[in-house]
Each structure stands twice: as structure tokens, then as C-alpha cells.
Amino acid sequence: MDLKIQAEKTAEAFAQDFLEEKFGNDIFIGAHIEKLIDDKVNLIYQYTEDENYHGAAVVHESGEEFIALNTFQPLRMRYFTAAHELWHLSEGSQMQSESFDHERAADRFAAAVMLPKGLTKDLWKKFKREYGTEEAVIHLADFASVPYDATARRVRELGDRDAPVSIPEDEWKQKRFVYNLPESFLDQPQAIEKFEAYETIVRNAVEQEKLDSLTGANKIGRYNPKLAEVLQEQKAEYLNNREQNDA
């Protein structure tokens, strides 16, 4: 079997299993994909001003698993990236040979998870009949909270050869104005930085006096500025009390 076809079929099958295990195939997961990942691995939100960096999946030598998402990317891209990176840590990924096309499989897995086969085909037929091909892509992408170009590719994968797969993402955004559609919050980033597992480790180290409050504040400031401020205040209070006791 062709390696690309093998990757796509394998990823589609594992995506079906994933959906059936969670919520079934009759809803769009949307933003909830991040909650599902957070329940499974350590989720890191990074803000890196790099259009080419979307995220990464990493397994530490200890066996702990991490998925990082770049919050510089628009929300719809971030959610799709989350599903893409989930493939790299999935059981299905671990079972494959060295020649397996994991990137192609990850894209197909993300598409199949975020745009379930039956639901997508049914809605596509209705939207296309009601709005025409291009506007239908926009509405379907909004329903599923995924990129426009990924939506068009998914529709093409599911059998509609008319799906416009050659239109770049930025051009899709402009087409919202062509069809008199309002801007979507999904086309904007949510610039946050968060790493709860790391925050917990630092907080516990401070409480157990393995780190002083100021060092803890410096380590955690990027991910939780409010907690860092609390730790800085604790350090200032400690120093102030010591000065008064020495006086």
C-alpha cells in the first residue's frame, strides 16, 4: 500500500476509536480538544511570535508526556494543532514502523477528530446547497472551530472533488467580507502562557522551602505573573520582618 494512503487510513481508524471512546461521532469537539489533552498529558501554552511554529509533542526521559501549543496562532489553528500533536503521543503512533508517514497521519488524525466523518458530510451537503461551496467552507470551519483550508481538505477527503483546497488561510479570512460575514474570534490569537505542571512543582518547592520565594517568583513569572507577584510579596515581607527582628 502507498505510504501516504496507509498513514491516512490508519489515522482515520484511530480517530474513530478516539471519538467513540470520548463523545461519539455526532458532535464537534472544538475547543474541548485542549481539555481532553490536559487530562491526558502536561499541556503547555507558549507565546512565540513565529508564524511557522504551531506546537510540539515531547516525551521526557522520565516518561512524562508534554504537548506545547503556540498561542501566537489563531484559535482555530491552535485547536487543530492540539489534535495534530495528540497523534504523536497516541497509541496508534507508537505502533507504526520507521517508514510510517507520521506528519501526514497527524494531519489526518486531527481532521478526523475535529471534523467527524458522518457529521461533516451531512452538514456539508446542507451548507453547500444553502450557501454555495466557498461560503459553506467558512460556515463549516466555524462550526468545527478549525482552519478553513483544513476544512476544505477534509471535505475533499470525504468525496467532494469541488472543495476549493488551493485557497490559502489568509485569503479565506478575506472571503468573510465577500460573503458579508462578520469577523470570527477564531481568527484571532489568545495570547496566554501557562504551564500548570511546572507551576505546581515550583509552588511545592517554595512551600517545602527547597526554593526561596524570590527564586520561585523568577521561575514562574512567565507562566503565572499573579502567583509570581504573591511570592515576591512573601519574600519582601520575610526580609522586612527579619530587619525588624535584627533592629
C-alpha atoms as a PDB file:
ATOM      1  CA  MET A   1       0.000   0.000   0.000  1.00  0.00           C
ATOM      2  CA  ASP A   2       1.173   3.528  -0.752  1.00  0.00           C
ATOM      3  CA  LEU A   3       2.717   5.043   2.426  1.00  0.00           C
ATOM      4  CA  LYS A   4       0.566   8.176   2.246  1.00  0.00           C
ATOM      5  CA  ILE A   5      -2.634   6.171   1.894  1.00  0.00           C
ATOM      6  CA  GLN A   6      -1.532   3.856   4.689  1.00  0.00           C
ATOM      7  CA  ALA A   7      -0.909   6.814   7.007  1.00  0.00           C
ATOM      8  CA  GLU A   8      -4.274   8.377   6.238  1.00  0.00           C
ATOM      9  CA  LYS A   9      -6.285   5.183   6.660  1.00  0.00           C
ATOM     10  CA  THR A  10      -4.519   4.304   9.893  1.00  0.00           C
ATOM     11  CA  ALA A  11      -5.034   7.763  11.370  1.00  0.00           C
ATOM     12  CA  GLU A  12      -8.699   7.821  10.320  1.00  0.00           C
ATOM     13  CA  ALA A  13      -9.307   4.498  12.081  1.00  0.00           C
ATOM     14  CA  PHE A  14      -7.629   5.594  15.311  1.00  0.00           C
ATOM     15  CA  ALA A  15      -9.509   8.904  15.212  1.00  0.00           C
ATOM     16  CA  GLN A  16     -12.789   6.995  15.024  1.00  0.00           C
ATOM     17  CA  ASP A  17     -11.771   4.948  18.054  1.00  0.00           C
ATOM     18  CA  PHE A  18     -10.788   8.102  19.925  1.00  0.00           C
ATOM     19  CA  LEU A  19     -14.138   9.787  19.233  1.00  0.00           C
ATOM     20  CA  GLU A  20     -16.175   6.732  20.158  1.00  0.00           C
ATOM     21  CA  GLU A  21     -14.274   6.452  23.427  1.00  0.00           C
ATOM     22  CA  LYS A  22     -14.965  10.096  24.291  1.00  0.00           C
ATOM     23  CA  PHE A  23     -18.206  11.576  22.938  1.00  0.00           C
ATOM     24  CA  GLY A  24     -19.131   9.747  19.759  1.00  0.00           C
ATOM     25  CA  ASN A  25     -19.119  10.987  16.180  1.00  0.00           C
ATOM     26  CA  ASP A  26     -22.143  13.269  16.207  1.00  0.00           C
ATOM     27  CA  ILE A  27     -20.667  16.443  17.760  1.00  0.00           C
ATOM     28  CA  PHE A  28     -17.784  18.798  17.061  1.00  0.00           C
ATOM     29  CA  ILE A  29     -15.229  18.738  19.878  1.00  0.00           C
ATOM     30  CA  GLY A  30     -13.919  22.217  19.104  1.00  0.00           C
ATOM     31  CA  ALA A  31     -12.075  23.944  21.944  1.00  0.00           C
ATOM     32  CA  HIS A  32     -12.687  20.955  24.220  1.00  0.00           C
ATOM     33  CA  ILE A  33      -9.816  19.166  22.492  1.00  0.00           C
ATOM     34  CA  GLU A  34      -7.466  21.071  24.795  1.00  0.00           C
ATOM     35  CA  LYS A  35      -9.310  19.835  27.891  1.00  0.00           C
ATOM     36  CA  LEU A  36      -9.041  16.264  26.628  1.00  0.00           C
ATOM     37  CA  ILE A  37      -5.307  16.728  26.123  1.00  0.00           C
ATOM     38  CA  ASP A  38      -4.841  18.376  29.513  1.00  0.00           C
ATOM     39  CA  ASP A  39      -6.484  15.348  31.132  1.00  0.00           C
ATOM     40  CA  LYS A  40      -4.020  13.050  29.351  1.00  0.00           C
ATOM     41  CA  VAL A  41      -0.650  14.838  29.261  1.00  0.00           C
ATOM     42  CA  ASN A  42       1.068  18.004  30.504  1.00  0.00           C
ATOM     43  CA  LEU A  43      -0.225  20.911  28.403  1.00  0.00           C
ATOM     44  CA  ILE A  44       1.965  23.965  27.862  1.00  0.00           C
ATOM     45  CA  TYR A  45       0.739  27.260  26.403  1.00  0.00           C
ATOM     46  CA  GLN A  46       3.622  29.230  24.898  1.00  0.00           C
ATOM     47  CA  TYR A  47       3.571  32.609  23.167  1.00  0.00           C
ATOM     48  CA  THR A  48       6.212  32.632  20.429  1.00  0.00           C
ATOM     49  CA  GLU A  49       5.959  35.202  17.638  1.00  0.00           C
ATOM     50  CA  ASP A  50       6.775  32.732  14.893  1.00  0.00           C
ATOM     51  CA  GLU A  51       4.193  32.052  12.183  1.00  0.00           C
ATOM     52  CA  ASN A  52       5.837  28.739  11.360  1.00  0.00           C
ATOM     53  CA  TYR A  53       5.784  27.355  14.895  1.00  0.00           C
ATOM     54  CA  HIS A  54       2.470  25.820  15.891  1.00  0.00           C
ATOM     55  CA  GLY A  55       3.299  23.353  18.631  1.00  0.00           C
ATOM     56  CA  ALA A  56       5.191  20.231  19.630  1.00  0.00           C
ATOM     57  CA  ALA A  57       4.779  16.873  21.351  1.00  0.00           C
ATOM     58  CA  VAL A  58       7.596  15.732  23.635  1.00  0.00           C
ATOM     59  CA  VAL A  59       8.249  12.687  25.790  1.00  0.00           C
ATOM     60  CA  HIS A  60      10.676  13.341  28.645  1.00  0.00           C
ATOM     61  CA  GLU A  61      13.242  10.697  29.597  1.00  0.00           C
ATOM     62  CA  SER A  62      11.158  10.133  32.742  1.00  0.00           C
ATOM     63  CA  GLY A  63       8.257   9.035  30.545  1.00  0.00           C
ATOM     64  CA  GLU A  64       6.173  12.150  31.182  1.00  0.00           C
ATOM     65  CA  GLU A  65       4.428  13.488  28.074  1.00  0.00           C
ATOM     66  CA  PHE A  66       4.046  17.131  27.075  1.00  0.00           C
ATOM     67  CA  ILE A  67       2.206  18.997  24.355  1.00  0.00           C
ATOM     68  CA  ALA A  68       3.114  22.639  23.725  1.00  0.00           C
ATOM     69  CA  LEU A  69       0.807  24.979  21.810  1.00  0.00           C
ATOM     70  CA  ASN A  70       1.834  28.347  20.402  1.00  0.00           C
ATOM     71  CA  THR A  71      -0.800  30.882  21.452  1.00  0.00           C
ATOM     72  CA  PHE A  72       0.521  33.309  18.842  1.00  0.00           C
ATOM     73  CA  GLN A  73      -1.530  31.273  16.358  1.00  0.00           C
ATOM     74  CA  PRO A  74      -5.253  31.963  15.793  1.00  0.00           C
ATOM     75  CA  LEU A  75      -7.575  29.880  17.956  1.00  0.00           C
ATOM     76  CA  ARG A  76      -8.852  27.713  15.125  1.00  0.00           C
ATOM     77  CA  MET A  77      -5.267  26.826  14.188  1.00  0.00           C
ATOM     78  CA  ARG A  78      -4.373  26.201  17.835  1.00  0.00           C
ATOM     79  CA  TYR A  79      -7.204  23.692  18.294  1.00  0.00           C
ATOM     80  CA  PHE A  80      -6.260  21.843  15.112  1.00  0.00           C
ATOM     81  CA  THR A  81      -2.618  21.786  16.208  1.00  0.00           C
ATOM     82  CA  ALA A  82      -3.658  20.304  19.540  1.00  0.00           C
ATOM     83  CA  ALA A  83      -5.331  17.381  17.780  1.00  0.00           C
ATOM     84  CA  HIS A  84      -2.370  17.048  15.406  1.00  0.00           C
ATOM     85  CA  GLU A  85       0.138  16.804  18.251  1.00  0.00           C
ATOM     86  CA  LEU A  86      -2.074  14.343  20.111  1.00  0.00           C
ATOM     87  CA  TRP A  87      -1.424  11.835  17.320  1.00  0.00           C
ATOM     88  CA  HIS A  88       2.308  11.885  18.071  1.00  0.00           C
ATOM     89  CA  LEU A  89       1.628  10.691  21.635  1.00  0.00           C
ATOM     90  CA  SER A  90      -1.147   8.274  20.750  1.00  0.00           C
ATOM     91  CA  GLU A  91      -1.076   4.504  20.915  1.00  0.00           C
ATOM     92  CA  GLY A  92      -1.606   4.445  17.166  1.00  0.00           C
ATOM     93  CA  SER A  93       1.569   6.438  16.596  1.00  0.00           C
ATOM     94  CA  GLN A  94       3.662   4.149  18.790  1.00  0.00           C
ATOM     95  CA  MET A  95       2.577   1.054  16.855  1.00  0.00           C
ATOM     96  CA  GLN A  96       3.938   2.126  13.461  1.00  0.00           C
ATOM     97  CA  SER A  97       7.147   1.266  11.622  1.00  0.00           C
ATOM     98  CA  GLU A  98      10.025   3.673  10.965  1.00  0.00           C
ATOM     99  CA  SER A  99       8.866   4.257   7.376  1.00  0.00           C
ATOM    100  CA  PHE A 100       5.426   5.420   8.508  1.00  0.00           C
ATOM    101  CA  ASP A 101       4.472   8.987   7.485  1.00  0.00           C
ATOM    102  CA  HIS A 102       3.634  10.417  10.915  1.00  0.00           C
ATOM    103  CA  GLU A 103       3.122  14.020   9.805  1.00  0.00           C
ATOM    104  CA  ARG A 104       0.566  13.012   7.214  1.00  0.00           C
ATOM    105  CA  ALA A 105      -1.100  10.737   9.753  1.00  0.00           C
ATOM    106  CA  ALA A 106      -1.163  13.533  12.347  1.00  0.00           C
ATOM    107  CA  ASP A 107      -2.908  15.900   9.920  1.00  0.00           C
ATOM    108  CA  ARG A 108      -5.459  13.244   9.010  1.00  0.00           C
ATOM    109  CA  PHE A 109      -5.996  12.315  12.667  1.00  0.00           C
ATOM    110  CA  ALA A 110      -6.610  15.980  13.541  1.00  0.00           C
ATOM    111  CA  ALA A 111      -9.035  16.409  10.639  1.00  0.00           C
ATOM    112  CA  ALA A 112     -10.948  13.234  11.518  1.00  0.00           C
ATOM    113  CA  VAL A 113     -11.169  14.121  15.215  1.00  0.00           C
ATOM    114  CA  MET A 114     -12.190  17.745  14.707  1.00  0.00           C
ATOM    115  CA  LEU A 115     -14.400  17.062  11.661  1.00  0.00           C
ATOM    116  CA  PRO A 116     -16.080  13.659  12.257  1.00  0.00           C
ATOM    117  CA  LYS A 117     -16.863  11.868   9.021  1.00  0.00           C
ATOM    118  CA  GLY A 118     -20.632  11.406   9.174  1.00  0.00           C
ATOM    119  CA  LEU A 119     -21.460  14.748  10.785  1.00  0.00           C
ATOM    120  CA  THR A 120     -19.185  16.642   8.408  1.00  0.00           C
ATOM    121  CA  LYS A 121     -20.660  15.019   5.294  1.00  0.00           C
ATOM    122  CA  ASP A 122     -24.229  15.718   6.406  1.00  0.00           C
ATOM    123  CA  LEU A 123     -23.610  19.359   7.266  1.00  0.00           C
ATOM    124  CA  TRP A 124     -21.527  19.922   4.158  1.00  0.00           C
ATOM    125  CA  LYS A 125     -24.372  18.821   1.892  1.00  0.00           C
ATOM    126  CA  LYS A 126     -26.775  21.197   3.644  1.00  0.00           C
ATOM    127  CA  PHE A 127     -24.381  24.141   3.737  1.00  0.00           C
ATOM    128  CA  LYS A 128     -23.287  23.705   0.136  1.00  0.00           C
ATOM    129  CA  ARG A 129     -26.875  23.564  -1.071  1.00  0.00           C
ATOM    130  CA  GLU A 130     -27.810  26.616   1.004  1.00  0.00           C
ATOM    131  CA  TYR A 131     -24.754  28.850   0.582  1.00  0.00           C
ATOM    132  CA  GLY A 132     -22.584  27.560  -2.241  1.00  0.00           C
ATOM    133  CA  THR A 133     -19.168  25.929  -1.976  1.00  0.00           C
ATOM    134  CA  GLU A 134     -16.906  28.689  -0.639  1.00  0.00           C
ATOM    135  CA  GLU A 135     -19.301  30.102   1.927  1.00  0.00           C
ATOM    136  CA  ALA A 136     -20.124  26.554   3.029  1.00  0.00           C
ATOM    137  CA  VAL A 137     -16.449  26.020   3.866  1.00  0.00           C
ATOM    138  CA  ILE A 138     -16.481  29.113   6.073  1.00  0.00           C
ATOM    139  CA  HIS A 139     -19.592  28.059   7.983  1.00  0.00           C
ATOM    140  CA  LEU A 140     -18.365  24.511   8.466  1.00  0.00           C
ATOM    141  CA  ALA A 141     -14.966  25.763   9.654  1.00  0.00           C
ATOM    142  CA  ASP A 142     -16.720  27.990  12.193  1.00  0.00           C
ATOM    143  CA  PHE A 143     -18.929  25.153  13.437  1.00  0.00           C
ATOM    144  CA  ALA A 144     -15.922  22.868  13.934  1.00  0.00           C
ATOM    145  CA  SER A 145     -13.510  25.588  15.157  1.00  0.00           C
ATOM    146  CA  VAL A 146     -10.807  24.549  12.689  1.00  0.00           C
ATOM    147  CA  PRO A 147      -8.821  26.276   9.912  1.00  0.00           C
ATOM    148  CA  TYR A 148     -10.608  26.967   6.620  1.00  0.00           C
ATOM    149  CA  ASP A 149      -8.034  25.183   4.489  1.00  0.00           C
ATOM    150  CA  ALA A 150      -8.173  22.108   6.744  1.00  0.00           C
ATOM    151  CA  THR A 151     -11.957  22.120   6.356  1.00  0.00           C
ATOM    152  CA  ALA A 152     -11.745  22.258   2.584  1.00  0.00           C
ATOM    153  CA  ARG A 153      -9.213  19.405   2.554  1.00  0.00           C
ATOM    154  CA  ARG A 154     -11.417  17.313   4.823  1.00  0.00           C
ATOM    155  CA  VAL A 155     -14.419  17.797   2.547  1.00  0.00           C
ATOM    156  CA  ARG A 156     -12.250  16.775  -0.418  1.00  0.00           C
ATOM    157  CA  GLU A 157     -11.096  13.681   1.510  1.00  0.00           C
ATOM    158  CA  LEU A 158     -14.721  12.757   2.135  1.00  0.00           C
ATOM    159  CA  GLY A 159     -15.531  12.739  -1.556  1.00  0.00           C
ATOM    160  CA  ASP A 160     -16.451  16.225  -2.805  1.00  0.00           C
ATOM    161  CA  ARG A 161     -13.957  16.995  -5.564  1.00  0.00           C
ATOM    162  CA  ASP A 162     -15.315  20.554  -5.844  1.00  0.00           C
ATOM    163  CA  ALA A 163     -13.920  21.564  -2.463  1.00  0.00           C
ATOM    164  CA  PRO A 164     -11.547  24.533  -3.025  1.00  0.00           C
ATOM    165  CA  VAL A 165      -8.336  23.219  -1.448  1.00  0.00           C
ATOM    166  CA  SER A 166      -5.960  25.673  -3.121  1.00  0.00           C
ATOM    167  CA  ILE A 167      -7.138  28.801  -1.256  1.00  0.00           C
ATOM    168  CA  PRO A 168      -4.662  29.866   1.490  1.00  0.00           C
ATOM    169  CA  GLU A 169      -5.861  30.587   5.023  1.00  0.00           C
ATOM    170  CA  ASP A 170      -5.388  34.371   4.838  1.00  0.00           C
ATOM    171  CA  GLU A 171      -7.475  34.547   1.681  1.00  0.00           C
ATOM    172  CA  TRP A 172     -10.258  32.605   3.391  1.00  0.00           C
ATOM    173  CA  LYS A 173     -10.389  35.293   6.066  1.00  0.00           C
ATOM    174  CA  GLN A 174     -10.902  37.941   3.399  1.00  0.00           C
ATOM    175  CA  LYS A 175     -13.726  35.924   1.882  1.00  0.00           C
ATOM    176  CA  ARG A 176     -15.765  36.511   5.037  1.00  0.00           C
ATOM    177  CA  PHE A 177     -16.178  40.104   3.837  1.00  0.00           C
ATOM    178  CA  VAL A 178     -17.021  38.953   0.314  1.00  0.00           C
ATOM    179  CA  TYR A 179     -19.932  36.947   1.726  1.00  0.00           C
ATOM    180  CA  ASN A 180     -20.906  39.665   4.211  1.00  0.00           C
ATOM    181  CA  LEU A 181     -19.980  37.536   7.219  1.00  0.00           C
ATOM    182  CA  PRO A 182     -18.739  39.088  10.481  1.00  0.00           C
ATOM    183  CA  GLU A 183     -15.199  38.602  11.699  1.00  0.00           C
ATOM    184  CA  SER A 184     -14.683  35.494  13.808  1.00  0.00           C
ATOM    185  CA  PHE A 185     -12.923  35.377  17.185  1.00  0.00           C
ATOM    186  CA  LEU A 186     -11.492  32.066  15.967  1.00  0.00           C
ATOM    187  CA  ASP A 187      -9.278  34.019  13.571  1.00  0.00           C
ATOM    188  CA  GLN A 188      -7.622  35.822  16.478  1.00  0.00           C
ATOM    189  CA  PRO A 189      -4.972  34.520  18.883  1.00  0.00           C
ATOM    190  CA  GLN A 190      -5.461  34.281  22.634  1.00  0.00           C
ATOM    191  CA  ALA A 191      -2.024  35.280  23.818  1.00  0.00           C
ATOM    192  CA  ILE A 192      -1.509  33.330  27.038  1.00  0.00           C
ATOM    193  CA  GLU A 193       1.383  31.461  28.621  1.00  0.00           C
ATOM    194  CA  LYS A 194       0.586  28.675  31.062  1.00  0.00           C
ATOM    195  CA  PHE A 195       2.262  25.516  32.328  1.00  0.00           C
ATOM    196  CA  GLU A 196       0.317  24.165  35.301  1.00  0.00           C
ATOM    197  CA  ALA A 197       2.539  21.161  35.978  1.00  0.00           C
ATOM    198  CA  TYR A 198       5.612  23.402  36.238  1.00  0.00           C
ATOM    199  CA  GLU A 199       3.740  25.925  38.399  1.00  0.00           C
ATOM    200  CA  THR A 200       2.758  23.150  40.808  1.00  0.00           C
ATOM    201  CA  ILE A 201       6.359  21.923  41.091  1.00  0.00           C
ATOM    202  CA  VAL A 202       7.664  25.425  41.828  1.00  0.00           C
ATOM    203  CA  ARG A 203       4.860  26.191  44.299  1.00  0.00           C
ATOM    204  CA  ASN A 204       5.502  22.945  46.187  1.00  0.00           C
ATOM    205  CA  ALA A 205       9.248  23.596  46.251  1.00  0.00           C
ATOM    206  CA  VAL A 206       8.665  27.019  47.811  1.00  0.00           C
ATOM    207  CA  GLU A 207       6.238  25.607  50.379  1.00  0.00           C
ATOM    208  CA  GLN A 208       8.754  22.882  51.290  1.00  0.00           C
ATOM    209  CA  GLU A 209      11.497  25.552  51.494  1.00  0.00           C
ATOM    210  CA  LYS A 210      13.518  23.887  48.753  1.00  0.00           C
ATOM    211  CA  LEU A 211      13.325  27.227  46.878  1.00  0.00           C
ATOM    212  CA  ASP A 212      13.078  30.693  48.369  1.00  0.00           C
ATOM    213  CA  SER A 213      10.114  32.815  47.334  1.00  0.00           C
ATOM    214  CA  LEU A 214      12.085  35.173  45.078  1.00  0.00           C
ATOM    215  CA  THR A 215      13.688  32.326  43.119  1.00  0.00           C
ATOM    216  CA  GLY A 216      10.261  30.715  42.776  1.00  0.00           C
ATOM    217  CA  ALA A 217       8.809  34.007  41.539  1.00  0.00           C
ATOM    218  CA  ASN A 218      11.531  34.335  38.897  1.00  0.00           C
ATOM    219  CA  LYS A 219      10.955  30.784  37.672  1.00  0.00           C
ATOM    220  CA  ILE A 220       7.199  31.038  37.478  1.00  0.00           C
ATOM    221  CA  GLY A 221       6.744  34.643  36.330  1.00  0.00           C
ATOM    222  CA  ARG A 222       6.388  33.790  32.631  1.00  0.00           C
ATOM    223  CA  TYR A 223       3.511  31.380  33.194  1.00  0.00           C
ATOM    224  CA  ASN A 224       1.717  32.839  36.207  1.00  0.00           C
ATOM    225  CA  PRO A 225       2.509  36.517  36.865  1.00  0.00           C
ATOM    226  CA  LYS A 226      -0.063  36.766  39.678  1.00  0.00           C
ATOM    227  CA  LEU A 227       1.466  33.886  41.611  1.00  0.00           C
ATOM    228  CA  ALA A 228       4.928  35.336  40.986  1.00  0.00           C
ATOM    229  CA  GLU A 229       3.755  38.625  42.481  1.00  0.00           C
ATOM    230  CA  VAL A 230       2.464  36.803  45.573  1.00  0.00           C
ATOM    231  CA  LEU A 231       5.799  35.048  46.006  1.00  0.00           C
ATOM    232  CA  GLN A 232       7.679  38.336  45.607  1.00  0.00           C
ATOM    233  CA  GLU A 233       5.475  39.895  48.290  1.00  0.00           C
ATOM    234  CA  GLN A 234       6.181  36.938  50.576  1.00  0.00           C
ATOM    235  CA  LYS A 235       9.917  37.451  50.086  1.00  0.00           C
ATOM    236  CA  ALA A 236       9.613  41.183  50.762  1.00  0.00           C
ATOM    237  CA  GLU A 237       7.587  40.519  53.914  1.00  0.00           C
ATOM    238  CA  TYR A 238      10.148  37.958  55.103  1.00  0.00           C
ATOM    239  CA  LEU A 239      13.030  40.411  54.615  1.00  0.00           C
ATOM    240  CA  ASN A 240      11.119  43.201  56.323  1.00  0.00           C
ATOM    241  CA  ASN A 241      10.344  41.029  59.343  1.00  0.00           C
ATOM    242  CA  ARG A 242      13.970  39.923  59.589  1.00  0.00           C
ATOM    243  CA  GLU A 243      15.153  43.548  59.539  1.00  0.00           C
ATOM    244  CA  GLN A 244      12.733  44.433  62.343  1.00  0.00           C
ATOM    245  CA  ASN A 245      13.867  41.464  64.420  1.00  0.00           C
ATOM    246  CA  ASP A 246      17.524  42.417  63.920  1.00  0.00           C
ATOM    247  CA  ALA A 247      16.861  46.010  64.899  1.00  0.00           C
END
